[in-house]
Amino acid sequence: MAVKILFQGDSITDAERSRDQDFLAGSGYPTIVAGELGLEHPGKYEFVNRGVSGNRSVDLLSRVRNDIINLRPDVMSILIGVNDVWHELATGNGVSAKYYEVYYKLIIEEVKSALPDIRIMLLEPFVLKASATEEKWDIFRGEVEKRAAAAQRVAKSYGLEFITLQNKFDEAAKLAAPDYWLTDGVHPTPAGHALIAHEWIKKFKKQEGGNCK
């Protein structure tokens, strides 16, 4: 039986995925990961994308049973947090750093209670200075960093793998303009998605012993 890998998150993960056919995982990093691992190991993995555009941590918590537990994945990665900040700055409907951490812990606890053998990888939320973020840049960056720190604490608390991304995007932005990587400072370009996929696969293979045995 194939190892089921589930990608969870917001629009960065969603990337216009199909709602009808799981193998059509969208135009983002989940498809890049699925393509590379699928090519290297035909038939070994099944890839499912359940990212939902616009989601905050509380939204992911609300669908933890239907879109995580009921799918019974063997491996899951989560990238969530930027909308907790963005929605607050735009409409006052965000999630504070305190409750982001609370909701994240509830997600992990419920999933691990139902699926004790699941492997979980948490991705660090990130942001760069571009069209959607530059007006309130200092606040935006600072608040995203608070969610990133909270996500890392959650990973450490539950012994989960943590994939750092902010420093990778900061370094990448020294090589090309921020909007070369993130179109508006939030949503990745093809190159930005490739960066995420590269870090994802590197972490996945490292834990698997370097060769996905």
Protein backbone atom coordinates (compact mmCIF):
# COMPACT_ATOMS: atom_id res chain seq x y z
CA MET A 1 0.00 0.00 0.00
CA ALA A 2 1.29 3.45 -0.90
CA VAL A 3 2.46 5.84 1.78
CA LYS A 4 -0.10 8.66 1.90
CA ILE A 5 1.39 12.15 2.13
CA LEU A 6 -1.01 14.98 2.98
CA PHE A 7 -0.27 18.67 2.41
CA GLN A 8 -2.24 21.09 4.60
CA GLY A 9 -2.39 24.87 4.76
CA ASP A 10 -3.76 27.99 3.12
CA SER A 11 -3.55 29.40 -0.42
CA ILE A 12 0.20 28.83 -0.59
CA THR A 13 -0.49 25.11 -0.32
CA ASP A 14 -3.84 25.17 -2.14
CA ALA A 15 -2.29 26.70 -5.28
CA GLU A 16 -5.53 26.15 -7.23
CA ARG A 17 -5.63 22.42 -6.58
CA SER A 18 -8.45 20.30 -7.95
CA ARG A 19 -11.38 19.69 -5.59
CA ASP A 20 -12.30 16.50 -7.47
CA GLN A 21 -9.08 14.67 -8.29
CA ASP A 22 -6.37 14.32 -5.67
CA PHE A 23 -3.60 13.73 -8.20
CA LEU A 24 -4.17 17.26 -9.52
CA ALA A 25 -2.44 18.94 -6.57
CA GLY A 26 -2.30 22.48 -7.96
CA SER A 27 0.51 24.63 -9.30
CA GLY A 28 2.59 24.91 -6.14
CA TYR A 29 5.13 23.11 -4.00
CA PRO A 30 2.93 20.01 -3.35
CA THR A 31 2.97 19.22 -7.07
CA ILE A 32 6.74 19.74 -7.27
CA VAL A 33 7.24 17.40 -4.32
CA ALA A 34 4.84 14.85 -5.78
CA GLY A 35 6.59 15.03 -9.14
CA GLU A 36 10.09 14.55 -7.79
CA LEU A 37 9.30 11.82 -5.27
CA GLY A 38 6.91 10.14 -7.69
CA LEU A 39 9.56 10.02 -10.37
CA GLU A 40 12.18 8.63 -8.01
CA HIS A 41 9.88 6.06 -6.42
CA PRO A 42 7.00 5.11 -8.78
CA GLY A 43 3.95 3.92 -6.89
CA LYS A 44 5.50 4.25 -3.43
CA TYR A 45 3.68 7.43 -2.43
CA GLU A 46 0.15 8.79 -2.72
CA PHE A 47 -0.09 12.58 -2.58
CA VAL A 48 -3.12 14.48 -1.31
CA ASN A 49 -3.45 18.28 -1.12
CA ARG A 50 -6.11 19.75 1.17
CA GLY A 51 -4.83 23.32 1.45
CA VAL A 52 -7.66 25.88 1.44
CA SER A 53 -7.11 29.44 0.26
CA GLY A 54 -7.76 32.04 2.94
CA ASN A 55 -7.42 29.66 5.88
CA ARG A 56 -6.18 30.78 9.26
CA SER A 57 -5.12 28.43 12.05
CA VAL A 58 -8.64 28.41 13.46
CA ASP A 59 -10.04 27.39 10.07
CA LEU A 60 -7.66 24.47 9.84
CA LEU A 61 -8.68 23.40 13.34
CA SER A 62 -12.34 23.44 12.27
CA ARG A 63 -11.67 20.90 9.52
CA VAL A 64 -9.12 18.74 11.32
CA ARG A 65 -11.35 15.67 11.32
CA ASN A 66 -12.73 15.79 7.79
CA ASP A 67 -9.58 16.96 6.01
CA ILE A 68 -6.91 15.26 8.11
CA ILE A 69 -8.00 12.46 10.42
CA ASN A 70 -10.59 10.91 8.11
CA LEU A 71 -8.01 10.79 5.30
CA ARG A 72 -5.68 8.72 7.53
CA PRO A 73 -2.39 10.01 6.11
CA ASP A 74 0.94 8.43 7.00
CA VAL A 75 2.76 11.75 6.60
CA MET A 76 1.42 15.29 6.85
CA SER A 77 2.98 18.71 6.44
CA ILE A 78 1.33 21.94 7.54
CA LEU A 79 2.05 25.51 6.40
CA ILE A 80 -0.27 27.96 8.15
CA GLY A 81 0.01 31.38 9.78
CA VAL A 82 0.37 34.23 7.32
CA ASN A 83 -3.41 34.73 7.09
CA ASP A 84 -3.62 34.94 10.87
CA VAL A 85 -1.64 38.17 10.41
CA TRP A 86 -2.89 39.35 7.01
CA HIS A 87 -6.59 39.07 7.89
CA GLU A 88 -6.01 41.05 11.07
CA LEU A 89 -4.26 43.88 9.26
CA ALA A 90 -6.77 43.92 6.41
CA THR A 91 -10.12 43.31 8.13
CA GLY A 92 -9.53 42.83 11.84
CA ASN A 93 -10.40 39.13 11.49
CA GLY A 94 -7.05 37.57 12.21
CA VAL A 95 -5.80 35.28 14.96
CA SER A 96 -3.45 36.57 17.65
CA ALA A 97 -0.06 34.96 18.12
CA LYS A 98 -1.25 33.58 21.47
CA TYR A 99 -4.27 31.81 20.03
CA TYR A 100 -2.43 30.75 16.90
CA GLU A 101 -0.23 28.67 19.17
CA VAL A 102 -3.22 27.38 21.13
CA TYR A 103 -5.05 26.32 17.96
CA TYR A 104 -1.93 24.75 16.48
CA LYS A 105 -1.45 22.63 19.61
CA LEU A 106 -5.09 21.55 19.48
CA ILE A 107 -4.66 20.48 15.86
CA ILE A 108 -1.58 18.42 16.66
CA GLU A 109 -3.10 16.88 19.78
CA GLU A 110 -6.28 15.82 17.98
CA VAL A 111 -4.38 14.39 15.02
CA LYS A 112 -1.85 12.50 17.14
CA SER A 113 -4.60 11.15 19.37
CA ALA A 114 -6.40 9.67 16.35
CA LEU A 115 -3.28 8.79 14.32
CA PRO A 116 -0.48 8.08 16.82
CA ASP A 117 1.95 6.83 14.16
CA ILE A 118 1.61 9.78 11.79
CA ARG A 119 4.74 11.69 10.80
CA ILE A 120 4.15 15.45 10.94
CA MET A 121 6.29 18.18 9.40
CA LEU A 122 5.61 21.84 10.23
CA LEU A 123 6.66 24.55 7.76
CA GLU A 124 7.66 27.99 8.96
CA PRO A 125 5.39 30.84 7.83
CA PHE A 126 7.27 33.53 5.90
CA VAL A 127 6.87 36.93 4.26
CA LEU A 128 8.85 39.35 2.10
CA LYS A 129 8.41 43.06 1.41
CA ALA A 130 6.30 43.50 -1.73
CA SER A 131 2.96 44.92 -2.88
CA ALA A 132 0.67 43.29 -0.31
CA THR A 133 2.98 43.73 2.67
CA GLU A 134 4.97 46.95 2.19
CA GLU A 135 2.35 49.41 3.51
CA LYS A 136 2.49 47.92 7.02
CA TRP A 137 5.76 46.10 6.55
CA ASP A 138 7.24 46.38 10.03
CA ILE A 139 4.04 45.12 11.67
CA PHE A 140 3.53 42.43 9.04
CA ARG A 141 7.04 41.04 9.36
CA GLY A 142 7.08 41.24 13.12
CA GLU A 143 3.74 39.47 13.50
CA VAL A 144 4.65 36.72 11.03
CA GLU A 145 7.86 36.17 12.98
CA LYS A 146 5.77 35.69 16.14
CA ARG A 147 3.74 32.96 14.40
CA ALA A 148 6.92 31.40 13.06
CA ALA A 149 8.37 31.25 16.57
CA ALA A 150 5.12 29.76 17.86
CA ALA A 151 5.12 27.10 15.13
CA GLN A 152 8.66 26.17 16.04
CA ARG A 153 7.71 25.87 19.72
CA VAL A 154 4.81 23.59 18.79
CA ALA A 155 7.14 21.42 16.72
CA LYS A 156 9.60 21.17 19.59
CA SER A 157 6.87 20.43 22.14
CA TYR A 158 5.57 17.45 20.17
CA GLY A 159 8.87 16.23 18.72
CA LEU A 160 7.89 17.18 15.17
CA GLU A 161 10.11 18.12 12.24
CA PHE A 162 10.34 21.84 11.52
CA ILE A 163 11.24 23.27 8.13
CA THR A 164 12.72 26.77 8.29
CA LEU A 165 11.79 28.98 5.33
CA GLN A 166 12.04 32.66 6.30
CA ASN A 167 15.83 32.70 6.27
CA LYS A 168 15.81 30.87 2.94
CA PHE A 169 13.56 33.53 1.39
CA ASP A 170 15.60 36.32 2.97
CA GLU A 171 18.74 34.89 1.36
CA ALA A 172 16.96 34.36 -1.94
CA ALA A 173 15.82 38.02 -1.92
CA LYS A 174 19.49 39.03 -2.01
CA LEU A 175 19.84 37.25 -5.35
CA ALA A 176 16.69 38.58 -7.00
CA ALA A 177 13.91 41.01 -6.04
CA PRO A 178 11.42 39.83 -3.41
CA ASP A 179 8.60 39.66 -5.97
CA TYR A 180 10.70 37.23 -8.02
CA TRP A 181 10.08 34.76 -5.17
CA LEU A 182 6.77 35.93 -3.71
CA THR A 183 4.50 37.76 -6.14
CA ASP A 184 2.99 40.07 -3.51
CA GLY A 185 5.21 39.29 -0.55
CA VAL A 186 3.04 36.30 0.45
CA HIS A 187 2.20 34.06 -2.52
CA PRO A 188 5.11 32.21 -4.13
CA THR A 189 6.07 32.40 -7.78
CA PRO A 190 7.20 29.17 -9.49
CA ALA A 191 10.70 29.86 -8.16
CA GLY A 192 9.32 30.45 -4.67
CA HIS A 193 7.37 27.20 -4.76
CA ALA A 194 10.51 25.42 -5.95
CA LEU A 195 12.38 26.82 -2.96
CA ILE A 196 9.75 25.46 -0.57
CA ALA A 197 9.70 22.09 -2.33
CA HIS A 198 13.49 21.88 -2.16
CA GLU A 199 13.48 22.42 1.60
CA TRP A 200 10.54 20.03 2.05
CA ILE A 201 12.22 17.20 0.13
CA LYS A 202 15.54 17.78 1.87
CA LYS A 203 13.92 17.43 5.30
CA PHE A 204 11.81 14.46 4.20
CA LYS A 205 14.77 12.54 2.82
CA LYS A 206 17.01 13.36 5.76
CA GLN A 207 14.54 11.78 8.16
CA GLU A 208 14.01 8.86 5.79
CA GLY A 209 17.72 8.12 5.84
CA GLY A 210 18.63 10.13 2.74
CA ASN A 211 17.09 7.83 0.16
CA CYS A 212 13.40 7.40 1.00
CA LYS A 213 13.83 3.69 1.77
